[in-house]
Amino acid sequence: MPAPKPLTLHTPSIPRATTARGTHGTHDHPVVSTLPTTQATSTTPPVTIDPAITAGKPGQLRDQYGRVAHDLRVSLTDRCNLRCTYCMPADGLPWIPTEECLTDEEVIRLITIGVERLHISQVRFTGGEPLLRKSLAKIIAATSALTTASGAPVHTALTTNGLGLDKQAKRLAAAGLNRVNISLDSLDRTRYHQLSRRDRLDDVLAGIAAAHDAGLTPVKINTVIMPGINEVDILPMARWAITNGYHLRFIEQMPLGPAGKWDRSGMVTAAEIMHTLRTGGELTPAQLERGSAPADLWRYTLDNGETGHIGIIASVTRPFCGACDRTRLTTDGAIRNCLFSHEETSLRDLLRQGADDTAIATAWAQAMWGKLPGHGINDPGFLQPDRTMSAIGG
């Protein structure tokens, strides 16, 4: 595949209306179009800027196509204690220097601005591996103490590889964490080691059990299926998750790992995963409201009669860009309006220039307004972002 496209970083000293296609003037009213849920092209040009943004009163993180971001993903570190083959090379990646990363106070201030000024209602902490951030409980406690525009508590969640969670689960729950998503790609020790390059399966399983016991439920398990490696784990994972009451989500591999390692033609698709599941049970559409959640939900009945729910995240073959409600804050303080964006807006630099909360909220809203209609993975000219998933935050 083509080499990654270089990243464009915006550092506005005075917030300006900047998008992936340039800077646009203001009009009397915003031109907003709506998107079908499966829209994934990246070629639709941006339209006029919302006057509320240029007036410094954004109110919420709306983009030009009518989508509103309520879900904030905060990457607390780009470092990780695994080396999953689809995420990073065996010898790791150059880590972001500490002085370039957000401090605890900066993270908390930006989350507070998002909740109190921009209608964020859910905050998910990601990485890298967020359990490696020593101040994680402090940041969770500060976040859970906030209230949304409706007066409800902020919902908090954590995406983790599970290493060390057995020792931290109770403390994080006490700090206000609501639930966890834990990555687990195989229940077979050899294949887990092959995928993660670490022999830590027992530690992950201990973390999953501890999260359940601490009340961080429903515990969701994220499983990436890699061709020729863990396709054989699809049925065992499904049986294990249903028997133990976990919510399993199979995920299509996305082009967010080491450059040149993703092959669209060799990817295990959602359709192939569903075909395998049907060989061991019955799949029927779940009678649950999906909303902006990324997973197609299915009720799965095993051959022995046990039932549960399984999600399938088909980011590549059935993208859900039209319902996306996410905004992302990287470890070094940049806003990304899409995982696959080639542009970022630095809020860290605004913070360190002494900008007030209104200026920061406005810059954040402008960054989100420029969000494209889709991630463009299936566009002929798609270029993988130069940041890997570990440096963006999942």
Foldseek 3Di string as FASTA:
>chain_A
DDAFDAFAEAEDLFFAQAFPVGGADADPAAQAAFDDQQDAAQPDAATHDGVCLVVLQLQAQAARHGFTAQEEEEAQFLAAPWAFPLAEDPVGDDTDDPVLFDDLVRLLVVLQLCFPRHQHQEYEYFFNAVVPPPCVLVSLLSQQVDAHPVRHGRAYEYEHQQQPLLVCQLSSVVSPHQAYEHEDAAPDQVLSCVRGVDRCNVSNVSNQVSNVVNNRPPYEYEHEDAPPGRLVRLVVVVVVCLVVVHEYEYEKRDNQHPPPPDDPVRICAPVNSVVVLVVFWDWDFDPDDCQLPQWRKTWTAGPVGGIDIYTYRGCPPRNRLSRHNYWYAFRSAWIALDPQDSYTYHLVSNVVVPHDSSSSSSSNSSHSNNDGSHNNPVPPPDRGHPHHCNGTTD
